N, C-alpha and C. Protein backbone atom coordinates (compact mmCIF):
# COMPACT_ATOMS: atom_id res chain seq x y z
N MET A 1 113.07 106.55 20.52
CA MET A 1 114.29 105.20 20.56
C MET A 1 114.09 104.22 21.08
N LEU A 2 113.90 103.25 19.67
CA LEU A 2 113.11 102.03 20.33
C LEU A 2 114.18 100.78 21.20
N LYS A 3 113.48 100.94 21.99
CA LYS A 3 114.40 99.55 22.94
C LYS A 3 112.90 98.26 23.71
N VAL A 4 113.39 97.65 23.90
CA VAL A 4 112.46 96.74 24.88
C VAL A 4 113.06 96.69 26.28
N SER A 5 112.10 95.34 27.06
CA SER A 5 112.65 95.54 28.71
C SER A 5 112.21 94.16 28.42
N LEU A 6 112.71 93.05 28.90
CA LEU A 6 111.78 91.97 29.26
C LEU A 6 111.33 91.59 30.81
N VAL A 7 110.05 91.59 31.15
CA VAL A 7 110.32 91.26 32.44
C VAL A 7 109.60 89.77 32.53
N PRO A 8 109.69 89.61 33.90
CA PRO A 8 108.40 88.42 34.61
C PRO A 8 107.19 88.51 33.89
N HIS A 9 106.37 87.24 33.64
CA HIS A 9 104.96 87.03 33.68
C HIS A 9 103.91 87.63 35.06
N ASN A 10 103.18 87.86 34.68
CA ASN A 10 102.68 88.23 35.67
C ASN A 10 100.64 88.52 35.07
N LYS A 11 99.75 87.88 36.17
CA LYS A 11 98.75 88.22 35.90
C LYS A 11 98.09 89.28 35.41
N THR A 12 98.81 90.53 35.83
CA THR A 12 98.34 91.86 35.33
C THR A 12 98.54 91.99 34.02
N TYR A 13 99.35 91.20 33.51
CA TYR A 13 99.48 91.77 32.07
C TYR A 13 98.41 90.70 31.04
N ALA A 14 97.40 90.20 31.72
CA ALA A 14 97.10 88.99 31.21
C ALA A 14 96.04 89.40 30.19
N LYS A 15 95.25 90.57 30.40
CA LYS A 15 94.31 91.34 29.55
C LYS A 15 94.81 91.70 27.97
N SER A 16 95.81 92.31 28.57
CA SER A 16 97.04 92.69 26.91
C SER A 16 97.58 91.35 25.78
N MET A 17 97.90 90.71 26.85
CA MET A 17 98.78 89.54 26.14
C MET A 17 97.29 88.92 25.74
N SER A 18 95.98 89.01 26.04
CA SER A 18 95.21 88.41 25.44
C SER A 18 94.98 88.83 24.22
N ALA A 19 94.20 90.37 24.08
CA ALA A 19 94.02 91.43 23.32
C ALA A 19 95.03 90.72 21.71
N LEU A 20 96.01 91.50 22.51
CA LEU A 20 97.32 91.22 20.88
C LEU A 20 97.25 89.89 20.23
N SER A 21 97.31 88.23 21.13
CA SER A 21 97.03 87.11 20.60
C SER A 21 96.21 86.50 20.43
N SER A 22 95.12 87.23 20.36
CA SER A 22 93.86 86.79 19.30
C SER A 22 93.57 87.43 18.42
N ALA A 23 94.56 88.52 17.90
CA ALA A 23 94.30 88.85 16.46
C ALA A 23 94.69 88.42 15.99
N PRO A 24 93.99 87.69 14.52
CA PRO A 24 94.32 86.23 13.44
C PRO A 24 95.50 86.49 13.01
N GLN A 25 96.13 87.51 13.01
CA GLN A 25 97.72 87.36 12.37
C GLN A 25 98.17 87.21 13.32
N VAL A 26 98.12 86.70 14.74
CA VAL A 26 99.07 86.43 15.23
C VAL A 26 98.78 84.88 15.84
N LYS A 27 97.31 84.93 16.21
CA LYS A 27 97.01 83.51 16.82
C LYS A 27 97.17 82.64 15.28
N ASP A 28 96.36 83.22 14.35
CA ASP A 28 96.87 81.66 13.06
C ASP A 28 98.32 81.41 12.79
N ALA A 29 99.61 82.49 13.03
CA ALA A 29 100.58 82.05 12.95
C ALA A 29 100.90 80.94 13.92
N LEU A 30 100.69 81.48 15.18
CA LEU A 30 100.83 80.71 16.74
C LEU A 30 99.93 78.96 16.23
N GLY A 31 98.85 78.80 15.56
CA GLY A 31 98.17 78.04 15.61
C GLY A 31 97.55 77.66 16.82
N LEU A 32 96.96 78.88 18.19
CA LEU A 32 96.53 78.82 18.76
C LEU A 32 94.64 79.29 19.13
N THR A 33 94.19 78.26 19.82
CA THR A 33 92.48 78.49 19.39
C THR A 33 92.08 79.88 20.25
N ASN A 34 90.91 80.13 20.07
CA ASN A 34 90.31 81.35 20.88
C ASN A 34 90.06 80.57 21.71
N ASP A 35 89.94 79.45 22.89
CA ASP A 35 90.13 79.29 24.18
C ASP A 35 91.76 79.77 24.69
N GLN A 36 92.59 79.60 23.62
CA GLN A 36 94.02 79.83 24.63
C GLN A 36 94.46 80.91 24.33
N THR A 37 93.38 82.33 23.78
CA THR A 37 94.07 83.17 23.67
C THR A 37 92.70 84.08 24.53
N SER A 38 92.32 83.11 24.98
CA SER A 38 90.90 84.18 25.38
C SER A 38 91.52 85.02 27.50
N LEU A 39 91.04 85.15 27.91
CA LEU A 39 91.64 85.67 28.81
C LEU A 39 91.45 84.52 30.27
N GLY A 40 91.11 83.90 30.26
CA GLY A 40 91.10 82.55 30.90
C GLY A 40 92.24 82.05 30.21
N GLY A 41 92.25 81.96 29.34
CA GLY A 41 93.11 80.63 29.00
C GLY A 41 94.70 81.80 28.87
N THR A 42 94.94 82.98 28.53
CA THR A 42 96.09 83.32 28.68
C THR A 42 96.78 83.43 30.25
N ILE A 43 95.51 83.58 31.47
CA ILE A 43 95.98 83.65 32.66
C ILE A 43 96.11 82.17 32.83
N ASP A 44 96.10 80.72 31.99
CA ASP A 44 96.06 79.74 32.21
C ASP A 44 97.90 79.45 32.05
N PHE A 45 97.93 80.14 31.06
CA PHE A 45 99.01 79.96 30.58
C PHE A 45 100.20 80.75 31.70
N ILE A 46 99.58 82.22 32.06
CA ILE A 46 101.00 82.56 32.86
C ILE A 46 100.94 81.45 34.02
N LYS A 47 100.15 80.73 34.59
CA LYS A 47 100.09 79.90 35.80
C LYS A 47 100.86 78.90 35.24
N PHE A 48 100.85 78.26 33.79
CA PHE A 48 101.70 77.28 33.70
C PHE A 48 103.40 77.68 33.56
N ILE A 49 103.29 79.00 32.77
CA ILE A 49 104.63 79.94 32.72
C ILE A 49 105.03 79.31 33.91
N LEU A 50 104.88 80.03 34.79
CA LEU A 50 105.61 80.29 36.26
C LEU A 50 105.78 78.80 37.15
N VAL A 51 104.75 78.11 36.77
CA VAL A 51 105.32 76.94 37.13
C VAL A 51 106.40 76.16 36.49
N GLN A 52 106.62 76.30 35.16
CA GLN A 52 107.81 75.93 34.19
C GLN A 52 108.95 76.53 34.58
N GLU A 53 108.98 77.76 34.68
CA GLU A 53 110.17 78.58 35.21
C GLU A 53 110.47 77.99 37.16
N ARG A 54 109.73 77.65 37.34
CA ARG A 54 110.25 77.14 38.82
C ARG A 54 111.35 75.92 39.23
N LEU A 55 110.83 75.16 37.89
CA LEU A 55 111.33 73.43 37.47
C LEU A 55 112.50 73.51 36.46
N GLY A 56 112.72 75.10 36.63
CA GLY A 56 113.83 74.96 35.17
C GLY A 56 113.89 74.19 34.09
N LYS A 57 112.54 74.73 33.49
CA LYS A 57 111.91 74.15 32.10
C LYS A 57 111.94 74.79 31.26
N GLN A 58 111.47 76.14 31.51
CA GLN A 58 111.69 77.48 30.92
C GLN A 58 111.73 79.05 31.60
N TYR A 59 112.06 79.75 30.77
CA TYR A 59 112.74 80.91 30.88
C TYR A 59 111.55 82.32 30.21
N SER A 60 110.68 82.37 30.59
CA SER A 60 109.73 83.48 29.50
C SER A 60 109.95 84.46 30.35
N ARG A 61 109.59 85.60 29.34
CA ARG A 61 109.31 86.96 29.88
C ARG A 61 108.63 87.31 29.16
N VAL A 62 107.70 88.68 29.16
CA VAL A 62 106.73 89.42 28.66
C VAL A 62 108.20 90.61 28.08
N ILE A 63 107.40 90.97 26.84
CA ILE A 63 108.09 92.24 26.16
C ILE A 63 107.72 93.15 25.98
N LEU A 64 108.25 94.29 26.93
CA LEU A 64 107.70 95.61 26.84
C LEU A 64 108.65 97.09 25.75
N ASP A 65 107.74 97.53 25.21
CA ASP A 65 108.51 98.46 24.67
C ASP A 65 109.02 100.08 25.63
N GLU A 66 109.57 100.49 24.89
CA GLU A 66 110.12 101.86 25.09
C GLU A 66 109.07 102.62 26.32
N THR A 67 107.66 102.53 25.97
CA THR A 67 107.21 103.17 26.56
C THR A 67 105.90 101.94 27.53
N GLU A 68 106.50 101.02 28.06
CA GLU A 68 106.21 100.00 28.86
C GLU A 68 104.85 99.26 28.63
N ASN A 69 104.74 99.63 27.22
CA ASN A 69 103.24 98.61 26.56
C ASN A 69 103.60 97.26 26.16
N LEU A 70 102.71 96.27 26.83
CA LEU A 70 103.26 94.84 26.35
C LEU A 70 103.13 94.71 25.13
N ILE A 71 104.01 94.26 24.40
CA ILE A 71 103.95 94.17 23.15
C ILE A 71 104.34 92.26 22.25
N GLY A 72 104.36 91.73 22.84
CA GLY A 72 104.59 89.99 22.91
C GLY A 72 105.41 89.63 23.93
N ALA A 73 105.80 88.24 23.57
CA ALA A 73 106.08 87.57 24.57
C ALA A 73 107.12 86.68 24.17
N ILE A 74 108.64 86.20 24.58
CA ILE A 74 109.42 85.48 24.54
C ILE A 74 109.74 84.86 25.54
N THR A 75 110.21 83.19 24.74
CA THR A 75 110.37 82.04 25.96
C THR A 75 111.89 81.45 25.18
N LEU A 76 112.25 80.62 26.29
CA LEU A 76 113.44 79.78 26.26
C LEU A 76 112.59 78.40 26.69
N LYS A 77 112.77 77.52 25.91
CA LYS A 77 111.58 76.34 26.28
C LYS A 77 112.37 74.84 26.32
N ASP A 78 112.07 74.12 26.82
CA ASP A 78 112.48 72.61 26.98
C ASP A 78 113.93 72.33 27.30
N ILE A 79 114.09 73.72 28.18
CA ILE A 79 115.93 73.81 28.86
C ILE A 79 116.34 72.35 29.28
N ASP A 80 117.40 72.13 28.94
CA ASP A 80 118.04 70.73 28.96
C ASP A 80 119.38 71.03 29.95
N SER A 81 119.35 71.11 30.42
CA SER A 81 120.93 71.44 31.61
C SER A 81 121.94 70.19 31.38
N ILE A 82 121.84 69.34 31.02
CA ILE A 82 122.36 68.26 30.85
C ILE A 82 123.23 68.44 28.87
N THR A 83 122.77 68.75 28.15
CA THR A 83 123.00 69.06 26.98
C THR A 83 123.09 70.56 26.20
N LYS A 84 122.41 71.45 27.35
CA LYS A 84 122.54 72.59 27.44
C LYS A 84 121.84 73.46 26.08
N THR A 85 121.05 72.68 25.67
CA THR A 85 119.65 73.01 24.97
C THR A 85 118.92 73.94 25.47
N CYS A 86 118.29 74.32 24.37
CA CYS A 86 116.62 74.97 24.38
C CYS A 86 116.49 74.95 23.12
N HIS A 87 114.80 75.67 23.31
CA HIS A 87 114.29 76.50 21.94
C HIS A 87 113.47 77.59 22.24
N ILE A 88 114.01 78.53 20.73
CA ILE A 88 113.41 80.01 21.37
C ILE A 88 111.95 79.97 20.77
N GLY A 89 111.04 80.69 21.44
CA GLY A 89 109.59 81.22 20.84
C GLY A 89 109.53 82.84 21.04
N THR A 90 109.13 83.13 20.41
CA THR A 90 108.18 85.02 20.49
C THR A 90 107.34 85.24 18.91
N TRP A 91 106.66 85.65 20.01
CA TRP A 91 105.53 86.24 19.58
C TRP A 91 105.44 87.96 20.14
N ILE A 92 105.05 88.75 18.33
CA ILE A 92 104.84 90.06 18.50
C ILE A 92 103.56 90.43 18.23
N GLY A 93 102.87 91.23 19.21
CA GLY A 93 101.33 91.70 18.67
C GLY A 93 101.82 92.46 16.89
N HIS A 94 101.00 92.29 16.14
CA HIS A 94 100.89 92.99 14.45
C HIS A 94 101.43 94.11 14.47
N GLN A 95 100.95 94.92 15.32
CA GLN A 95 100.81 96.12 15.48
C GLN A 95 102.28 96.62 15.04
N TYR A 96 103.21 95.82 15.83
CA TYR A 96 104.74 96.05 16.38
C TYR A 96 105.82 95.36 15.13
N TRP A 97 104.83 94.63 14.38
CA TRP A 97 105.41 94.09 13.48
C TRP A 97 106.43 94.74 12.49
N GLY A 98 107.58 94.29 12.39
CA GLY A 98 108.48 94.89 11.34
C GLY A 98 109.19 95.84 11.47
N LYS A 99 109.78 96.50 12.84
CA LYS A 99 109.97 97.53 13.90
C LYS A 99 111.28 97.26 14.41
N GLY A 100 111.81 96.20 14.41
CA GLY A 100 112.93 95.48 14.98
C GLY A 100 112.78 95.11 16.87
N TYR A 101 111.77 95.18 17.37
CA TYR A 101 111.28 94.51 18.53
C TYR A 101 111.94 93.48 18.72
N ASN A 102 111.74 92.23 17.57
CA ASN A 102 111.90 91.22 17.66
C ASN A 102 113.36 90.36 18.01
N ALA A 103 114.05 91.46 17.03
CA ALA A 103 115.80 91.36 16.98
C ALA A 103 116.13 91.61 18.47
N LEU A 104 115.52 93.11 19.06
CA LEU A 104 115.89 93.36 20.38
C LEU A 104 115.76 92.50 21.56
N ALA A 105 114.32 91.67 21.33
CA ALA A 105 113.98 90.75 22.43
C ALA A 105 115.02 89.66 22.55
N LYS A 106 115.27 89.18 21.25
CA LYS A 106 116.10 88.00 21.11
C LYS A 106 117.65 88.28 21.85
N SER A 107 117.92 89.32 21.04
CA SER A 107 119.41 89.85 21.42
C SER A 107 119.65 89.45 22.99
N GLU A 108 118.21 90.06 24.02
CA GLU A 108 118.51 89.92 25.24
C GLU A 108 118.38 88.95 26.14
N ILE A 109 117.38 88.20 25.55
CA ILE A 109 117.03 86.75 26.37
C ILE A 109 118.18 85.75 25.65
N LEU A 110 118.64 86.04 24.68
CA LEU A 110 120.30 84.53 24.52
C LEU A 110 121.18 85.30 25.10
N TYR A 111 121.32 86.37 25.54
CA TYR A 111 122.24 86.69 25.93
C TYR A 111 121.94 86.42 27.51
N ILE A 112 121.17 86.22 27.93
CA ILE A 112 120.71 85.83 29.30
C ILE A 112 120.89 83.90 29.10
N ALA A 113 120.58 83.44 28.31
CA ALA A 113 120.72 82.01 27.75
C ALA A 113 122.30 81.77 27.62
N PHE A 114 122.99 82.44 26.78
CA PHE A 114 124.31 81.99 26.99
C PHE A 114 125.10 81.97 28.31
N THR A 115 125.13 83.74 29.29
CA THR A 115 125.89 84.25 29.60
C THR A 115 125.08 84.00 31.68
N ILE A 116 123.64 83.41 31.26
CA ILE A 116 123.20 83.07 32.78
C ILE A 116 122.74 81.96 33.28
N LEU A 117 122.29 81.18 32.04
CA LEU A 117 121.50 80.03 31.91
C LEU A 117 122.80 78.85 31.30
N ASN A 118 124.24 79.55 30.98
CA ASN A 118 125.05 79.07 30.38
C ASN A 118 124.48 77.80 29.49
N LEU A 119 123.83 77.65 28.18
CA LEU A 119 123.46 77.44 27.25
C LEU A 119 124.81 77.22 26.15
N GLU A 120 124.32 76.36 25.47
CA GLU A 120 125.59 75.93 24.59
C GLU A 120 124.91 76.07 22.99
N HIS A 121 123.51 75.95 22.69
CA HIS A 121 123.10 75.89 21.64
C HIS A 121 120.90 76.29 22.07
N VAL A 122 120.52 77.47 21.03
CA VAL A 122 119.34 77.92 21.16
C VAL A 122 119.01 77.40 19.58
N PHE A 123 117.84 76.32 20.24
CA PHE A 123 117.29 76.24 18.96
C PHE A 123 116.26 77.02 18.07
N ALA A 124 115.80 77.68 16.98
CA ALA A 124 114.68 78.67 16.32
C ALA A 124 114.47 77.95 15.02
N GLY A 125 113.16 77.35 15.58
CA GLY A 125 112.45 76.61 14.48
C GLY A 125 111.39 77.77 13.89
N ALA A 126 110.50 77.51 12.71
CA ALA A 126 109.59 78.05 12.43
C ALA A 126 108.72 76.79 11.35
N LYS A 127 107.11 77.04 11.70
CA LYS A 127 106.71 76.10 10.22
C LYS A 127 106.97 76.85 9.41
N LEU A 128 107.33 75.67 7.99
CA LEU A 128 107.33 76.18 6.35
C LEU A 128 106.19 76.67 6.17
N SER A 129 104.84 77.08 6.88
CA SER A 129 104.21 77.28 6.51
C SER A 129 104.34 78.89 6.40
N ASN A 130 105.42 79.15 7.52
CA ASN A 130 105.35 80.54 8.23
C ASN A 130 106.19 81.67 7.87
N VAL A 131 106.42 81.55 6.58
CA VAL A 131 107.31 82.41 5.87
C VAL A 131 107.73 83.53 6.94
N ARG A 132 107.18 84.19 7.64
CA ARG A 132 107.52 85.64 8.09
C ARG A 132 108.29 85.61 8.78
N SER A 133 108.00 84.68 9.72
CA SER A 133 108.73 83.93 11.03
C SER A 133 110.31 83.68 10.54
N GLN A 134 110.44 82.56 9.83
CA GLN A 134 110.95 82.18 9.09
C GLN A 134 112.41 83.14 8.12
N LYS A 135 111.55 84.16 7.53
CA LYS A 135 112.39 86.02 7.08
C LYS A 135 112.90 86.15 8.29
N ALA A 136 112.17 86.50 9.48
CA ALA A 136 112.64 86.80 10.41
C ALA A 136 113.88 86.52 11.30
N GLN A 137 113.97 85.19 11.23
CA GLN A 137 115.59 84.43 11.43
C GLN A 137 116.28 84.59 11.07
N GLU A 138 116.00 84.90 9.46
CA GLU A 138 117.09 84.62 8.51
C GLU A 138 117.60 85.76 8.54
N ASN A 139 117.53 87.20 9.28
CA ASN A 139 117.94 88.29 9.18
C ASN A 139 118.39 88.63 10.65
N LEU A 140 118.38 87.27 11.31
CA LEU A 140 119.70 87.47 12.38
C LEU A 140 120.89 87.32 12.37
N PRO A 141 122.21 88.43 12.50
CA PRO A 141 123.15 87.65 11.98
C PRO A 141 123.84 86.62 12.92
N TYR A 142 123.45 86.06 13.83
CA TYR A 142 124.44 85.05 14.53
C TYR A 142 123.92 84.09 14.12
N ILE A 143 122.50 82.83 13.40
CA ILE A 143 122.02 82.09 13.36
C ILE A 143 122.68 81.26 12.34
N ARG A 144 122.67 80.15 12.31
CA ARG A 144 122.77 79.49 11.02
C ARG A 144 121.34 78.76 10.75
N ILE A 145 121.35 79.08 9.68
CA ILE A 145 119.69 78.44 9.09
C ILE A 145 120.27 77.08 8.51
N GLY A 146 118.79 76.17 8.77
CA GLY A 146 118.94 75.10 7.85
C GLY A 146 119.46 74.01 8.69
N VAL A 147 119.70 73.58 9.87
CA VAL A 147 120.44 73.12 10.76
C VAL A 147 119.75 71.45 10.55
N GLN A 148 118.54 71.19 10.18
CA GLN A 148 117.83 69.85 10.31
C GLN A 148 118.74 68.61 9.90
N SER A 149 119.45 68.81 9.37
CA SER A 149 120.12 67.44 8.96
C SER A 149 121.37 67.48 10.17
N GLU A 150 121.85 68.36 10.59
CA GLU A 150 122.91 68.24 11.91
C GLU A 150 121.93 67.90 13.10
N PHE A 151 120.79 67.79 13.14
CA PHE A 151 119.99 67.63 14.71
C PHE A 151 119.33 67.58 14.40
N LEU A 152 118.95 65.93 13.96
CA LEU A 152 118.14 65.25 13.48
C LEU A 152 116.87 65.07 14.67
N GLU A 153 117.54 65.12 16.35
CA GLU A 153 116.43 64.88 16.96
C GLU A 153 115.68 66.01 17.31
N GLU A 154 116.56 67.04 17.14
CA GLU A 154 115.50 68.65 17.75
C GLU A 154 114.38 68.80 16.66
N HIS A 155 114.86 68.53 15.17
CA HIS A 155 114.30 68.68 14.50
C HIS A 155 112.92 67.87 14.23
N SER A 156 112.86 66.75 14.73
CA SER A 156 111.72 66.05 14.25
C SER A 156 110.79 66.07 15.85
N LYS A 157 111.61 66.82 17.11
CA LYS A 157 111.08 67.11 18.42
C LYS A 157 110.04 67.84 18.09
N LEU A 158 110.68 69.35 17.02
CA LEU A 158 109.92 70.50 17.12
C LEU A 158 108.81 69.93 15.93
N GLU A 159 109.24 69.49 15.20
CA GLU A 159 108.22 69.06 14.24
C GLU A 159 106.85 68.27 14.59
N SER A 160 107.55 67.34 15.61
CA SER A 160 105.79 66.97 16.30
C SER A 160 105.01 67.01 16.82
N GLN A 161 106.06 68.73 17.85
CA GLN A 161 105.01 69.32 18.81
C GLN A 161 103.93 70.19 18.20
N VAL A 162 104.71 70.70 17.19
CA VAL A 162 103.96 71.55 16.20
C VAL A 162 103.17 71.25 14.99
N ASN A 163 103.00 69.58 15.08
CA ASN A 163 102.52 69.15 13.99
C ASN A 163 102.63 69.87 12.72
N SER A 164 103.76 69.88 12.21
CA SER A 164 103.53 70.27 10.74
C SER A 164 105.36 70.51 10.54
N PRO A 165 105.23 70.53 8.72
CA PRO A 165 106.91 70.70 8.54
C PRO A 165 107.53 71.88 9.23
N CYS A 166 108.97 71.64 9.58
CA CYS A 166 109.38 73.03 9.89
C CYS A 166 110.72 73.23 9.23
N ILE A 167 111.67 74.04 9.64
CA ILE A 167 112.89 74.47 9.10
C ILE A 167 113.47 74.43 10.77
N LEU A 168 114.52 73.83 10.67
CA LEU A 168 115.40 74.65 12.30
C LEU A 168 116.57 75.00 11.54
N ASN A 169 116.87 75.88 13.03
CA ASN A 169 117.84 77.19 13.21
C ASN A 169 118.91 76.88 14.12
N VAL A 170 119.85 77.54 14.20
CA VAL A 170 120.37 77.70 15.83
C VAL A 170 121.39 78.92 16.09
N ILE A 171 120.80 78.84 17.18
CA ILE A 171 122.59 80.50 17.44
C ILE A 171 123.14 79.21 18.53
N GLU A 172 124.19 79.47 18.65
CA GLU A 172 125.16 78.82 18.92
C GLU A 172 126.03 80.17 20.02
N ARG A 173 126.10 79.33 21.26
CA ARG A 173 126.77 80.31 22.30
C ARG A 173 128.01 81.04 21.26
N GLU A 174 129.49 80.34 21.15
CA GLU A 174 130.25 81.45 20.94
C GLU A 174 130.37 82.32 19.96
N MET A 175 129.57 81.97 18.50
CA MET A 175 128.99 82.55 18.01
C MET A 175 128.13 83.46 18.06
N PHE A 176 126.97 83.63 18.59
CA PHE A 176 126.77 84.92 19.57
C PHE A 176 127.29 86.18 20.01
N LEU A 177 127.79 85.27 21.22
CA LEU A 177 129.23 86.09 22.36
C LEU A 177 130.00 87.35 21.35
N LYS A 178 130.34 86.37 20.15
CA LYS A 178 131.23 87.31 19.62
C LYS A 178 130.29 88.62 18.79
N TRP A 179 129.05 88.09 18.13
CA TRP A 179 129.03 89.02 17.76
C TRP A 179 127.83 90.25 18.91
N HIS A 180 127.85 90.14 20.00
CA HIS A 180 126.73 90.51 21.04
C HIS A 180 127.54 92.00 21.22
N PRO A 181 126.99 93.34 21.04
CA PRO A 181 127.75 94.41 21.61
C PRO A 181 128.32 94.79 23.24
N ASP A 182 127.97 93.73 24.01
CA ASP A 182 128.28 94.10 24.89
C ASP A 182 129.80 92.92 25.59
N ASN A 183 129.89 92.12 24.39
CA ASN A 183 131.25 91.39 24.70
C ASN A 183 132.26 92.18 24.02
N LYS A 184 132.06 93.07 23.59
CA LYS A 184 132.96 93.49 21.91
C LYS A 184 133.93 94.62 22.84
């Protein structure tokens, strides 16, 4: 049976994370360099995430499959407790694509975002060139697609961060919690 566990980042996952993120399918989609996906770069990323979490700016987890293999990572970033917003980012190792892990991981972390972190809006963006990511987001039953004009500042921030034209989508607390099975 398909399932995921979201666990805190730890240097023990660095080798597996580096191997998955180094694959061209993942590295190119994320716009990462060889240095960033190297073992050293991955360890630096893990250290960075741990600091950002202590500061309350990010909430990031490693995604494990039903056999506890690392299959990716998911992050709530740019957490703003004043506006009650953040952005979500996910990557899954290419050999796990199309199996449903992304949707399961998003459901789990969004439940945390809205019930524990008390956020109201979680933004999900994708580069216009990343059709795969756009399609994955469009399949989520609780997302509003193409909200760039409604959230101009968030859209502009996203495009400047990735230095590329993007689409912006949003998951809203009320809509997500109405959908989520634990709230039925």
